[in-house]
Protein backbone atom coordinates (compact mmCIF):
# COMPACT_ATOMS: atom_id res chain seq x y z
CA MET A 1 111.95 101.67 98.08
CA PHE A 2 110.02 101.08 100.82
CA GLU A 3 106.75 99.45 101.06
CA VAL A 4 103.99 98.69 104.53
CA ARG A 5 101.00 97.58 104.19
CA VAL A 6 98.16 96.67 106.42
CA GLU A 7 95.48 95.02 106.32
CA ALA A 8 91.52 94.78 106.89
CA ASP A 9 88.46 92.71 106.68
CA PHE A 10 84.69 92.83 105.96
CA SER A 11 81.66 90.70 104.91
CA ALA A 12 79.13 91.37 102.50
CA ALA A 13 76.87 89.44 99.40
CA HIS A 14 76.11 90.76 96.24
CA PHE A 15 76.36 89.16 92.96
CA LEU A 16 77.44 89.69 89.04
CA LYS A 17 74.59 89.71 86.94
CA ASP A 18 76.78 90.17 83.49
CA TYR A 19 77.80 86.46 84.86
CA ASN A 20 76.87 82.75 83.83
CA GLY A 21 77.61 80.85 86.28
CA LYS A 22 76.44 80.28 90.26
CA CYS A 23 78.46 83.78 91.16
CA GLU A 24 75.42 85.51 89.56
CA ASN A 25 73.38 83.97 92.52
CA LEU A 26 73.24 86.01 95.42
CA HIS A 27 76.40 84.95 97.45
CA GLY A 28 78.46 86.32 100.33
CA HIS A 29 82.05 86.48 101.19
CA ASN A 30 84.72 87.51 103.93
CA TYR A 31 86.87 89.74 101.96
CA LYS A 32 90.46 90.55 103.66
CA VAL A 33 91.71 93.72 102.12
CA PHE A 34 95.04 95.41 101.46
CA ALA A 35 96.22 98.35 101.00
CA HIS A 36 100.40 98.98 99.94
CA VAL A 37 101.54 102.58 99.79
CA LYS A 38 105.85 102.65 98.15
CA GLY A 39 107.77 105.86 98.92
CA ARG A 40 111.24 106.49 98.68
CA ILE A 41 111.68 109.22 101.50
CA LEU A 42 110.97 108.16 105.15
CA ASN A 43 109.59 110.54 107.37
CA GLU A 44 111.46 112.67 110.87
CA GLY A 45 110.35 109.22 112.68
CA GLY A 46 111.80 107.10 109.93
CA MET A 47 108.85 105.72 108.94
CA LEU A 48 107.12 105.80 105.27
CA LEU A 49 103.76 106.52 106.85
CA ASP A 50 102.31 105.97 110.09
CA PHE A 51 100.34 102.42 110.02
CA THR A 52 97.85 103.78 112.10
CA LYS A 53 97.05 106.81 109.77
CA LEU A 54 97.04 104.08 107.18
CA LYS A 55 94.65 101.00 109.64
CA GLY A 56 92.48 103.39 110.05
CA ALA A 57 91.52 105.15 106.24
CA LEU A 58 90.48 101.31 105.47
CA ARG A 59 89.01 100.25 108.15
CA SER A 60 86.64 102.55 107.10
CA VAL A 61 86.61 102.88 103.64
CA CYS A 62 86.13 98.68 105.02
CA ALA A 63 83.26 99.85 107.20
CA LYS A 64 80.90 101.41 104.53
CA LEU A 65 80.65 98.06 102.90
CA ASP A 66 80.47 95.42 105.70
CA HIS A 67 77.10 94.04 105.81
CA THR A 68 75.98 95.16 103.11
CA ASN A 69 74.53 94.09 99.54
CA LEU A 70 77.34 95.78 97.75
CA ASN A 71 74.60 95.48 94.80
CA ASP A 72 72.72 97.86 96.36
CA MET A 73 75.64 101.10 96.31
CA GLU A 74 75.53 102.77 92.63
CA VAL A 75 79.11 103.28 92.45
CA PHE A 76 79.47 99.22 90.99
CA GLU A 77 76.55 99.45 88.17
CA GLN A 78 75.32 96.74 89.97
CA ASN A 79 78.65 94.31 89.56
CA PRO A 80 80.09 94.49 92.12
CA SER A 81 83.29 92.32 91.14
CA ALA A 82 87.05 92.78 93.72
CA GLU A 83 88.21 94.30 91.02
CA ARG A 84 85.68 97.43 91.36
CA ILE A 85 85.75 96.85 94.89
CA ALA A 86 89.77 97.29 94.69
CA MET A 87 89.06 100.79 93.15
CA PHE A 88 86.68 101.82 96.05
CA VAL A 89 88.84 100.70 98.56
CA TYR A 90 91.74 102.31 96.51
CA ASP A 91 89.68 105.97 96.38
CA GLY A 92 88.33 105.67 99.42
CA ILE A 93 91.23 105.99 101.30
CA VAL A 94 92.61 108.39 98.82
CA SER A 95 90.01 110.22 99.69
CA GLU A 96 90.24 109.68 103.78
CA LEU A 97 93.82 110.91 103.99
CA ALA A 98 93.39 114.22 101.98
CA GLY A 99 91.34 115.61 104.50
CA GLN A 100 93.86 114.42 107.28
CA GLY A 101 95.85 116.12 105.01
CA ILE A 102 97.57 113.51 103.62
CA ASP A 103 98.65 113.00 99.59
CA LEU A 104 99.01 109.45 98.87
CA ALA A 105 97.34 110.36 95.32
CA TYR A 106 100.03 108.69 92.65
CA THR A 107 101.82 111.25 90.38
CA PRO A 108 104.94 110.07 88.09
CA GLY A 109 108.14 109.76 90.03
CA LYS A 110 106.58 110.74 93.41
CA LYS A 111 109.49 109.75 95.83
CA GLU A 112 106.76 110.71 98.97
CA ALA A 113 104.38 107.97 100.27
CA PHE A 114 101.80 107.10 97.58
CA LEU A 115 99.28 104.74 97.61
CA PHE A 116 99.84 101.78 95.07
CA ALA A 117 97.70 99.13 95.09
CA VAL A 118 94.59 97.58 96.82
CA ASP A 119 94.11 93.79 96.92
CA VAL A 120 90.66 92.80 97.41
CA PHE A 121 90.20 88.34 98.07
CA GLU A 122 87.06 86.86 97.83
CA THR A 123 89.00 83.50 99.19
CA GLU A 124 92.08 82.88 100.34
CA THR A 125 92.73 81.96 96.30
CA SER A 126 91.27 84.70 94.95
CA ARG A 127 92.48 88.06 94.75
CA ALA A 128 91.92 90.86 92.84
CA ARG A 129 94.56 94.24 92.15
CA TYR A 130 93.90 97.61 91.85
CA CYS A 131 97.04 99.39 91.58
CA VAL A 132 98.88 102.35 89.96
CA GLU A 133 101.50 101.66 87.84
């Protein structure tokens, strides 16, 4: 099994509506995001997936979040946790690349490249992951 990973970052504000603690107040993070692609088959160029295409999709999705108040985005239902952000980024990458004819959606037993996981770091020591397995 091969795996490639790219990373991007964005800065955004948020608060957690159903949280009892300091995170219920508006605050910000400099998020770091990793996208992991796995697969068993390399293309004719010997690559699982072109880094440039994966990075472009990840950066495009992160740009939608950059310098926003995440609570203003309906998709997060007023609770933009790192877990929900990871799922948003995952879905966004799959959608972005599907628009370019690249199918990274996971199906059981898939041997071609698929988006396996997205990690969202709020800090260097706090991460949430959304993955398909």
